[in-house]
């Protein structure tokens, strides 16, 4: 039997935080061959629309994305995790997904897009808990996943599920979270909130998210085994 590989991408600029842990939980639950890549220390620029990839489906922007192209192509499934920043998918993950453009060209009209038919799963992280994004019918921790799903759809990747979790906004660690007038701690936990381990979100305090991540990994395995 051919071994199937699942590639996990943590698009958070912060290493070993909620996004990476959530992606790892999904990967571990697949019980397949997996690889986890964190983009936190990489330089990945957005697509420049140079069109240099049309003939050979190889991106010509020289940065840390180049070694990742083959990993994306070789994977049977891809799990992308990311946080939202300012109510949008964070820039690092957005740039990574923009570069999927090189896989879209089918100049001979024969083979279809290079990522078509792959299986995908999403780990979405936000700092706002139940707080909803003004102007969008979506909660803060679902925003990143919603945007990633759009990239999946655009590239023909079948999304088998999304898991969402609450992450710790940077205001918890900046040093001024209790006094800053625009603090995320105040916004999400009340004007008089005091920073303590009890209110700082982490996956261990979110058993439902952990269970859903494990179920998503199992779903990935079952879906791949049907192919």
Protein backbone atom coordinates (compact mmCIF):
# COMPACT_ATOMS: atom_id res chain seq x y z
CA UNK A 1 0.00 0.00 0.00
CA UNK A 2 1.28 3.47 -0.90
CA UNK A 3 2.10 5.59 2.13
CA UNK A 4 0.08 8.77 2.29
CA UNK A 5 1.57 11.98 3.57
CA UNK A 6 -0.14 14.90 5.26
CA UNK A 7 1.63 18.26 5.28
CA UNK A 8 0.86 20.68 8.09
CA UNK A 9 1.53 24.40 7.77
CA UNK A 10 1.48 26.71 10.77
CA UNK A 11 1.19 30.22 9.39
CA UNK A 12 1.61 32.01 12.69
CA UNK A 13 4.69 34.24 13.09
CA UNK A 14 4.85 32.91 16.67
CA UNK A 15 6.40 29.48 17.16
CA UNK A 16 4.89 26.84 19.43
CA UNK A 17 1.70 28.75 20.20
CA UNK A 18 -1.97 27.91 19.66
CA UNK A 19 -1.90 27.73 15.86
CA UNK A 20 1.03 25.34 15.67
CA UNK A 21 -0.31 23.18 18.49
CA UNK A 22 -3.73 22.95 16.84
CA UNK A 23 -2.23 21.90 13.49
CA UNK A 24 -0.05 19.33 15.24
CA UNK A 25 -3.08 17.86 17.00
CA UNK A 26 -4.81 17.36 13.65
CA UNK A 27 -1.70 15.79 12.14
CA UNK A 28 -1.12 13.39 15.04
CA UNK A 29 -4.71 12.19 14.85
CA UNK A 30 -4.33 11.14 11.19
CA UNK A 31 -1.89 8.38 12.23
CA UNK A 32 -0.33 8.78 8.79
CA UNK A 33 3.07 10.03 7.70
CA UNK A 34 3.08 13.75 8.50
CA UNK A 35 5.34 16.78 8.36
CA UNK A 36 4.78 20.00 10.27
CA UNK A 37 6.30 23.23 8.95
CA UNK A 38 6.16 26.49 10.85
CA UNK A 39 6.47 29.63 8.75
CA UNK A 40 7.46 31.69 11.80
CA UNK A 41 11.10 32.24 10.81
CA UNK A 42 10.65 32.31 7.04
CA UNK A 43 10.65 35.13 4.53
CA UNK A 44 7.70 34.55 2.23
CA UNK A 45 6.61 37.33 -0.07
CA UNK A 46 3.27 37.65 -1.78
CA UNK A 47 2.70 36.82 -5.43
CA UNK A 48 4.07 39.58 -7.69
CA UNK A 49 2.05 38.49 -10.73
CA UNK A 50 5.25 38.34 -12.77
CA UNK A 51 3.70 35.45 -14.75
CA UNK A 52 7.05 33.64 -14.80
CA UNK A 53 5.34 30.46 -13.64
CA UNK A 54 3.02 30.06 -16.63
CA UNK A 55 5.24 27.76 -18.69
CA UNK A 56 6.48 25.42 -15.95
CA UNK A 57 4.28 26.00 -12.87
CA UNK A 58 7.37 27.00 -10.87
CA UNK A 59 7.32 30.23 -8.88
CA UNK A 60 10.14 32.63 -9.78
CA UNK A 61 10.07 34.77 -6.62
CA UNK A 62 13.21 33.71 -4.78
CA UNK A 63 12.59 33.34 -1.06
CA UNK A 64 11.81 30.69 1.55
CA UNK A 65 8.68 29.56 -0.30
CA UNK A 66 10.68 27.86 -3.06
CA UNK A 67 11.64 24.71 -1.05
CA UNK A 68 8.02 24.39 0.08
CA UNK A 69 6.59 24.03 -3.43
CA UNK A 70 7.61 20.39 -3.82
CA UNK A 71 6.36 19.56 -0.33
CA UNK A 72 2.93 21.00 -1.20
CA UNK A 73 2.83 19.10 -4.49
CA UNK A 74 3.97 15.81 -2.95
CA UNK A 75 1.51 15.86 -0.05
CA UNK A 76 -1.72 13.91 -0.36
CA UNK A 77 -3.38 16.30 2.08
CA UNK A 78 -2.52 19.68 3.53
CA UNK A 79 -3.54 21.17 6.88
CA UNK A 80 -3.20 24.95 7.03
CA UNK A 81 -3.45 26.75 10.35
CA UNK A 82 -3.40 30.50 10.85
CA UNK A 83 -4.48 33.29 13.19
CA UNK A 84 -6.43 36.38 12.26
CA UNK A 85 -4.72 39.75 12.56
CA UNK A 86 -6.88 42.89 12.60
CA UNK A 87 -9.91 40.86 11.62
CA UNK A 88 -8.25 39.32 8.56
CA UNK A 89 -6.06 36.34 7.73
CA UNK A 90 -2.53 37.20 8.88
CA UNK A 91 -0.11 38.41 6.20
CA UNK A 92 2.40 35.54 6.41
CA UNK A 93 -0.22 32.87 5.72
CA UNK A 94 -1.88 35.03 3.07
CA UNK A 95 1.46 35.42 1.25
CA UNK A 96 2.08 31.66 1.43
CA UNK A 97 -1.33 30.88 -0.04
CA UNK A 98 -1.02 33.57 -2.73
CA UNK A 99 1.98 31.69 -4.05
CA UNK A 100 -0.24 28.73 -4.90
CA UNK A 101 -0.90 30.73 -8.07
CA UNK A 102 2.04 28.97 -9.71
CA UNK A 103 0.11 25.69 -9.52
CA UNK A 104 -2.96 26.98 -11.35
CA UNK A 105 -1.77 27.15 -14.97
CA UNK A 106 -2.88 24.48 -17.43
CA UNK A 107 -1.57 25.98 -20.66
CA UNK A 108 -2.25 22.82 -22.69
CA UNK A 109 -5.75 22.32 -21.36
CA UNK A 110 -4.99 18.71 -20.44
CA UNK A 111 -4.08 18.22 -16.82
CA UNK A 112 -6.09 20.65 -14.74
CA UNK A 113 -4.70 22.67 -11.85
CA UNK A 114 -1.79 21.05 -10.02
CA UNK A 115 -3.52 21.04 -6.63
CA UNK A 116 -6.93 19.90 -7.87
CA UNK A 117 -8.12 16.81 -6.04
CA UNK A 118 -5.96 17.27 -2.96
CA UNK A 119 -7.61 17.07 0.44
CA UNK A 120 -7.37 19.93 2.90
CA UNK A 121 -8.21 20.79 6.49
CA UNK A 122 -8.07 24.10 8.32
CA UNK A 123 -7.10 25.22 11.82
CA UNK A 124 -8.42 28.71 12.51
CA UNK A 125 -7.30 30.77 15.51
CA UNK A 126 -8.58 34.10 16.80
CA UNK A 127 -8.20 36.13 19.94
CA UNK A 128 -11.75 37.26 20.37
CA UNK A 129 -13.74 34.34 21.64
CA UNK A 130 -17.41 34.99 20.98
CA UNK A 131 -16.82 38.58 19.86
CA UNK A 132 -18.14 39.01 16.32
CA UNK A 133 -16.40 40.99 13.61
CA UNK A 134 -18.31 44.18 12.74
CA UNK A 135 -19.54 44.06 9.17
CA UNK A 136 -18.95 40.32 8.83
CA UNK A 137 -21.30 37.58 9.96
CA UNK A 138 -18.49 35.61 11.53
CA UNK A 139 -16.79 35.24 14.91
CA UNK A 140 -13.21 36.34 15.42
CA UNK A 141 -11.77 32.85 15.74
CA UNK A 142 -13.41 31.74 12.47
CA UNK A 143 -12.04 34.54 10.27
CA UNK A 144 -8.71 32.98 9.34
CA UNK A 145 -10.38 29.70 8.46
CA UNK A 146 -12.94 31.42 6.28
CA UNK A 147 -10.19 33.11 4.27
CA UNK A 148 -8.11 29.93 3.95
CA UNK A 149 -11.20 28.11 2.68
CA UNK A 150 -11.42 30.67 -0.10
CA UNK A 151 -7.88 29.84 -1.19
CA UNK A 152 -8.68 26.12 -1.06
CA UNK A 153 -11.74 26.58 -3.24
CA UNK A 154 -9.79 28.71 -5.71
CA UNK A 155 -7.19 25.98 -6.15
CA UNK A 156 -9.48 22.96 -6.27
CA UNK A 157 -8.53 21.64 -2.82
CA UNK A 158 -11.37 19.76 -1.13
CA UNK A 159 -11.79 21.00 2.44
CA UNK A 160 -12.97 18.20 4.71
CA UNK A 161 -13.35 20.36 7.81
CA UNK A 162 -12.36 23.30 9.97
CA UNK A 163 -11.41 23.45 13.63
CA UNK A 164 -11.37 26.79 15.43
CA UNK A 165 -9.78 27.79 18.73
CA UNK A 166 -9.20 30.88 20.79
CA UNK A 167 -5.65 32.18 20.99
CA UNK A 168 -4.03 34.68 23.32
CA UNK A 169 -3.95 38.21 21.91
CA UNK A 170 -0.56 39.90 22.10
CA UNK A 171 -1.98 42.32 24.69
CA UNK A 172 -1.52 39.60 27.30
CA UNK A 173 2.25 39.82 26.96
CA UNK A 174 2.97 43.39 25.79
CA UNK A 175 3.12 44.71 29.35
CA UNK A 176 0.27 47.21 29.10
CA UNK A 177 -2.74 44.98 28.57
CA UNK A 178 -4.45 46.09 31.76
CA UNK A 179 -4.10 49.84 31.15
CA UNK A 180 -4.07 50.40 27.38
CA UNK A 181 -7.33 51.97 26.24
CA UNK A 182 -7.48 49.75 23.15
CA UNK A 183 -6.28 46.57 24.85
CA UNK A 184 -7.63 43.31 23.53
CA UNK A 185 -7.70 42.09 27.12
CA UNK A 186 -10.20 44.83 27.97
CA UNK A 187 -12.20 44.29 24.79
CA UNK A 188 -12.59 40.57 25.20
CA UNK A 189 -12.57 40.17 28.98
CA UNK A 190 -13.98 43.43 30.33
CA UNK A 191 -12.67 46.86 31.33
CA UNK A 192 -11.57 45.69 34.75
CA UNK A 193 -9.92 42.47 33.59
CA UNK A 194 -6.65 41.57 35.26
CA UNK A 195 -4.14 39.42 33.43
CA UNK A 196 -3.73 36.08 35.15
CA UNK A 197 -3.06 32.50 34.04
CA UNK A 198 -6.74 31.76 34.59
CA UNK A 199 -7.94 34.01 31.74
CA UNK A 200 -5.12 33.52 29.23
CA UNK A 201 -6.52 31.23 26.50
CA UNK A 202 -4.70 28.01 25.64
CA UNK A 203 -5.71 24.75 24.01
CA UNK A 204 -5.67 22.85 27.30
CA UNK A 205 -8.63 24.97 28.39
CA UNK A 206 -10.53 24.19 25.19
CA UNK A 207 -11.27 20.45 25.25
CA UNK A 208 -13.99 20.80 22.63
CA UNK A 209 -11.50 22.31 20.18
CA UNK A 210 -8.98 19.58 20.93
CA UNK A 211 -11.59 16.88 20.41
CA UNK A 212 -12.67 18.47 17.13
CA UNK A 213 -9.05 18.67 15.96
CA UNK A 214 -8.57 14.96 16.66
CA UNK A 215 -11.82 14.14 14.87
CA UNK A 216 -10.68 16.24 11.91
CA UNK A 217 -7.45 14.26 11.74
CA UNK A 218 -9.41 11.02 11.76
CA UNK A 219 -11.69 12.37 9.03
CA UNK A 220 -8.64 13.21 6.91
CA UNK A 221 -7.35 9.67 7.28
CA UNK A 222 -10.68 8.11 6.38
CA UNK A 223 -11.14 10.43 3.42
CA UNK A 224 -7.65 9.66 2.09
CA UNK A 225 -8.18 5.93 2.49
CA UNK A 226 -11.23 6.16 0.23
CA UNK A 227 -9.19 7.66 -2.61
